[in-house]
N, C-alpha and C. Protein backbone atom coordinates (compact mmCIF):
# COMPACT_ATOMS: atom_id res chain seq x y z
N MET A 1 0.84 -1.18 0.00
CA MET A 1 0.00 0.00 0.00
C MET A 1 0.89 1.24 0.00
N ASP A 2 0.56 2.17 -0.84
CA ASP A 2 1.28 3.44 -0.89
C ASP A 2 0.71 4.37 0.16
N PHE A 3 1.61 5.01 0.90
CA PHE A 3 1.17 6.02 1.86
C PHE A 3 1.14 7.35 1.13
N ASN A 4 -0.07 7.87 0.91
CA ASN A 4 -0.22 9.12 0.17
C ASN A 4 -1.19 10.03 0.90
N SER A 5 -1.58 11.11 0.27
CA SER A 5 -2.47 12.07 0.91
C SER A 5 -3.85 11.48 1.20
N THR A 6 -4.29 10.56 0.36
CA THR A 6 -5.58 9.91 0.61
C THR A 6 -5.52 9.05 1.87
N THR A 7 -4.42 8.32 2.02
CA THR A 7 -4.23 7.50 3.23
C THR A 7 -4.13 8.40 4.45
N ALA A 8 -3.40 9.51 4.33
CA ALA A 8 -3.27 10.45 5.44
C ALA A 8 -4.63 11.02 5.83
N LEU A 9 -5.43 11.37 4.84
CA LEU A 9 -6.77 11.88 5.11
C LEU A 9 -7.62 10.82 5.83
N GLY A 10 -7.53 9.60 5.36
CA GLY A 10 -8.26 8.50 5.99
C GLY A 10 -7.84 8.28 7.43
N LEU A 11 -6.54 8.35 7.69
CA LEU A 11 -6.04 8.19 9.06
C LEU A 11 -6.50 9.34 9.95
N ALA A 12 -6.50 10.57 9.41
CA ALA A 12 -6.96 11.72 10.19
C ALA A 12 -8.45 11.59 10.51
N ALA A 13 -9.26 11.21 9.53
CA ALA A 13 -10.69 11.01 9.75
C ALA A 13 -10.92 9.90 10.78
N ALA A 14 -10.15 8.85 10.66
CA ALA A 14 -10.26 7.73 11.60
C ALA A 14 -9.94 8.16 13.02
N ALA A 15 -8.90 8.96 13.18
CA ALA A 15 -8.50 9.43 14.51
C ALA A 15 -9.60 10.28 15.14
N VAL A 16 -10.20 11.15 14.35
CA VAL A 16 -11.23 12.05 14.89
C VAL A 16 -12.49 11.27 15.27
N THR A 17 -12.97 10.42 14.38
CA THR A 17 -14.22 9.71 14.67
C THR A 17 -14.03 8.65 15.75
N THR A 18 -12.89 8.02 15.79
CA THR A 18 -12.63 6.99 16.79
C THR A 18 -12.56 7.58 18.19
N THR A 19 -11.92 8.73 18.32
CA THR A 19 -11.78 9.33 19.66
C THR A 19 -13.12 9.84 20.19
N ALA A 20 -14.14 9.89 19.36
CA ALA A 20 -15.45 10.31 19.84
C ALA A 20 -15.98 9.38 20.94
N PHE A 21 -15.56 8.14 20.95
CA PHE A 21 -16.02 7.20 21.96
C PHE A 21 -15.24 7.32 23.27
N LEU A 22 -14.08 7.93 23.24
CA LEU A 22 -13.22 8.00 24.42
C LEU A 22 -13.89 8.69 25.62
N PRO A 23 -14.52 9.84 25.45
CA PRO A 23 -15.17 10.46 26.61
C PRO A 23 -16.24 9.57 27.26
N GLN A 24 -16.98 8.82 26.44
CA GLN A 24 -18.00 7.94 27.00
C GLN A 24 -17.39 6.80 27.79
N VAL A 25 -16.29 6.24 27.29
CA VAL A 25 -15.60 5.17 28.01
C VAL A 25 -15.07 5.70 29.34
N VAL A 26 -14.44 6.85 29.32
CA VAL A 26 -13.89 7.44 30.55
C VAL A 26 -15.01 7.70 31.56
N LYS A 27 -16.12 8.27 31.08
CA LYS A 27 -17.24 8.57 31.98
C LYS A 27 -17.82 7.30 32.59
N ALA A 28 -18.04 6.29 31.77
CA ALA A 28 -18.60 5.02 32.27
C ALA A 28 -17.64 4.36 33.24
N TRP A 29 -16.35 4.44 32.94
CA TRP A 29 -15.34 3.83 33.80
C TRP A 29 -15.31 4.52 35.17
N ARG A 30 -15.33 5.85 35.16
CA ARG A 30 -15.24 6.62 36.41
C ARG A 30 -16.51 6.52 37.24
N THR A 31 -17.66 6.65 36.60
CA THR A 31 -18.93 6.70 37.35
C THR A 31 -19.52 5.33 37.61
N ARG A 32 -19.09 4.34 36.85
CA ARG A 32 -19.68 2.99 36.91
C ARG A 32 -21.19 3.04 36.65
N HIS A 33 -21.58 4.00 35.82
CA HIS A 33 -22.99 4.18 35.48
C HIS A 33 -23.16 3.98 33.97
N THR A 34 -23.89 2.93 33.62
CA THR A 34 -24.09 2.62 32.20
C THR A 34 -25.56 2.41 31.86
N ARG A 35 -26.43 2.78 32.77
CA ARG A 35 -27.86 2.55 32.59
C ARG A 35 -28.39 3.17 31.29
N ASP A 36 -27.85 4.32 30.93
CA ASP A 36 -28.34 5.02 29.74
C ASP A 36 -27.77 4.49 28.43
N LEU A 37 -26.85 3.56 28.50
CA LEU A 37 -26.27 2.97 27.29
C LEU A 37 -27.13 1.78 26.88
N SER A 38 -27.47 1.71 25.62
CA SER A 38 -28.30 0.63 25.10
C SER A 38 -27.45 -0.61 24.82
N LEU A 39 -27.76 -1.72 25.48
CA LEU A 39 -27.05 -2.97 25.26
C LEU A 39 -27.20 -3.42 23.81
N ALA A 40 -28.40 -3.33 23.28
CA ALA A 40 -28.64 -3.75 21.89
C ALA A 40 -27.81 -2.92 20.91
N THR A 41 -27.74 -1.63 21.14
CA THR A 41 -26.94 -0.76 20.26
C THR A 41 -25.47 -1.14 20.33
N LEU A 42 -24.96 -1.36 21.52
CA LEU A 42 -23.55 -1.72 21.66
C LEU A 42 -23.24 -3.06 20.99
N LEU A 43 -24.14 -4.03 21.11
CA LEU A 43 -23.93 -5.33 20.48
C LEU A 43 -23.93 -5.21 18.95
N VAL A 44 -24.91 -4.49 18.42
CA VAL A 44 -24.99 -4.33 16.96
C VAL A 44 -23.80 -3.53 16.45
N LEU A 45 -23.41 -2.50 17.18
CA LEU A 45 -22.26 -1.68 16.78
C LEU A 45 -20.98 -2.51 16.78
N CYS A 46 -20.78 -3.34 17.79
CA CYS A 46 -19.59 -4.21 17.83
C CYS A 46 -19.58 -5.15 16.64
N LEU A 47 -20.71 -5.73 16.32
CA LEU A 47 -20.79 -6.63 15.16
C LEU A 47 -20.43 -5.88 13.88
N GLY A 48 -21.00 -4.69 13.71
CA GLY A 48 -20.70 -3.89 12.53
C GLY A 48 -19.22 -3.53 12.44
N ILE A 49 -18.63 -3.18 13.56
CA ILE A 49 -17.21 -2.82 13.56
C ILE A 49 -16.34 -4.02 13.23
N ILE A 50 -16.70 -5.19 13.75
CA ILE A 50 -15.95 -6.41 13.41
C ILE A 50 -16.00 -6.64 11.89
N LEU A 51 -17.17 -6.46 11.31
CA LEU A 51 -17.30 -6.62 9.86
C LEU A 51 -16.44 -5.60 9.11
N TRP A 52 -16.38 -4.35 9.60
CA TRP A 52 -15.53 -3.33 8.97
C TRP A 52 -14.05 -3.71 9.07
N VAL A 53 -13.64 -4.27 10.20
CA VAL A 53 -12.24 -4.71 10.34
C VAL A 53 -11.93 -5.79 9.31
N ILE A 54 -12.82 -6.76 9.20
CA ILE A 54 -12.62 -7.84 8.23
C ILE A 54 -12.56 -7.27 6.81
N TYR A 55 -13.46 -6.37 6.50
CA TYR A 55 -13.48 -5.73 5.18
C TYR A 55 -12.16 -4.98 4.94
N GLY A 56 -11.71 -4.25 5.94
CA GLY A 56 -10.45 -3.52 5.82
C GLY A 56 -9.27 -4.44 5.58
N VAL A 57 -9.25 -5.57 6.27
CA VAL A 57 -8.17 -6.55 6.08
C VAL A 57 -8.22 -7.11 4.66
N LEU A 58 -9.41 -7.46 4.20
CA LEU A 58 -9.54 -8.00 2.84
C LEU A 58 -9.12 -7.01 1.77
N ARG A 59 -9.31 -5.72 2.05
CA ARG A 59 -8.93 -4.67 1.09
C ARG A 59 -7.52 -4.12 1.35
N SER A 60 -6.88 -4.60 2.41
CA SER A 60 -5.57 -4.08 2.82
C SER A 60 -5.61 -2.56 3.00
N ASP A 61 -6.65 -2.09 3.67
CA ASP A 61 -6.88 -0.65 3.86
C ASP A 61 -6.49 -0.27 5.29
N LEU A 62 -5.28 0.25 5.45
CA LEU A 62 -4.75 0.56 6.78
C LEU A 62 -5.63 1.51 7.59
N PRO A 63 -6.09 2.65 7.04
CA PRO A 63 -6.94 3.52 7.85
C PRO A 63 -8.22 2.83 8.33
N LEU A 64 -8.80 2.03 7.48
CA LEU A 64 -10.02 1.31 7.83
C LEU A 64 -9.75 0.30 8.95
N ILE A 65 -8.67 -0.42 8.84
CA ILE A 65 -8.30 -1.42 9.84
C ILE A 65 -8.01 -0.76 11.18
N LEU A 66 -7.14 0.25 11.17
CA LEU A 66 -6.75 0.90 12.42
C LEU A 66 -7.92 1.59 13.11
N ALA A 67 -8.69 2.33 12.35
CA ALA A 67 -9.82 3.05 12.94
C ALA A 67 -10.80 2.10 13.58
N ASN A 68 -11.13 1.04 12.88
CA ASN A 68 -12.12 0.12 13.41
C ASN A 68 -11.58 -0.77 14.52
N ALA A 69 -10.30 -1.08 14.49
CA ALA A 69 -9.71 -1.85 15.59
C ALA A 69 -9.73 -1.03 16.88
N VAL A 70 -9.39 0.24 16.79
CA VAL A 70 -9.42 1.10 17.98
C VAL A 70 -10.86 1.32 18.42
N THR A 71 -11.75 1.58 17.48
CA THR A 71 -13.16 1.77 17.81
C THR A 71 -13.74 0.52 18.46
N LEU A 72 -13.38 -0.64 17.94
CA LEU A 72 -13.85 -1.89 18.54
C LEU A 72 -13.36 -2.03 19.97
N THR A 73 -12.14 -1.63 20.23
CA THR A 73 -11.61 -1.68 21.59
C THR A 73 -12.42 -0.76 22.52
N LEU A 74 -12.70 0.45 22.06
CA LEU A 74 -13.46 1.39 22.89
C LEU A 74 -14.91 0.95 23.08
N VAL A 75 -15.57 0.57 22.00
CA VAL A 75 -16.96 0.14 22.10
C VAL A 75 -17.05 -1.19 22.86
N GLY A 76 -16.07 -2.06 22.64
CA GLY A 76 -16.03 -3.31 23.40
C GLY A 76 -15.87 -3.05 24.89
N THR A 77 -15.07 -2.05 25.24
CA THR A 77 -14.92 -1.66 26.65
C THR A 77 -16.26 -1.18 27.20
N LEU A 78 -16.96 -0.36 26.43
CA LEU A 78 -18.29 0.09 26.88
C LEU A 78 -19.24 -1.10 27.06
N LEU A 79 -19.17 -2.06 26.17
CA LEU A 79 -20.02 -3.24 26.27
C LEU A 79 -19.71 -4.02 27.55
N VAL A 80 -18.44 -4.22 27.82
CA VAL A 80 -18.03 -4.93 29.04
C VAL A 80 -18.50 -4.17 30.28
N LEU A 81 -18.30 -2.84 30.28
CA LEU A 81 -18.75 -2.04 31.43
C LEU A 81 -20.27 -2.10 31.58
N LYS A 82 -20.99 -2.07 30.47
CA LYS A 82 -22.44 -2.17 30.51
C LYS A 82 -22.87 -3.48 31.17
N LEU A 83 -22.23 -4.57 30.80
CA LEU A 83 -22.58 -5.88 31.36
C LEU A 83 -22.13 -5.98 32.82
N LYS A 84 -21.01 -5.38 33.14
CA LYS A 84 -20.48 -5.45 34.52
C LYS A 84 -21.30 -4.62 35.50
N TYR A 85 -21.72 -3.42 35.08
CA TYR A 85 -22.39 -2.50 35.97
C TYR A 85 -23.90 -2.45 35.76
N ARG A 86 -24.50 -3.56 35.40
CA ARG A 86 -25.96 -3.62 35.18
C ARG A 86 -26.71 -3.24 36.41
């Protein structure tokens, strides 16, 4: 894969959208309050992100892989916290 301006743009977009989940993870971790988080939404979102990671791997698309791997980690953390602090 060539690292070019398109890849750089993809990585920048991935960084911005992925970090959107960070404040929610920090808040849930600190407060141990997840009542307002939808379990169904988190499950469906995790499934969708897993599919995006697989798609990114099949296409050898680094921004897609990295963004979704990090997002999966953050959303997966929210899912675990949701189940732990029911």
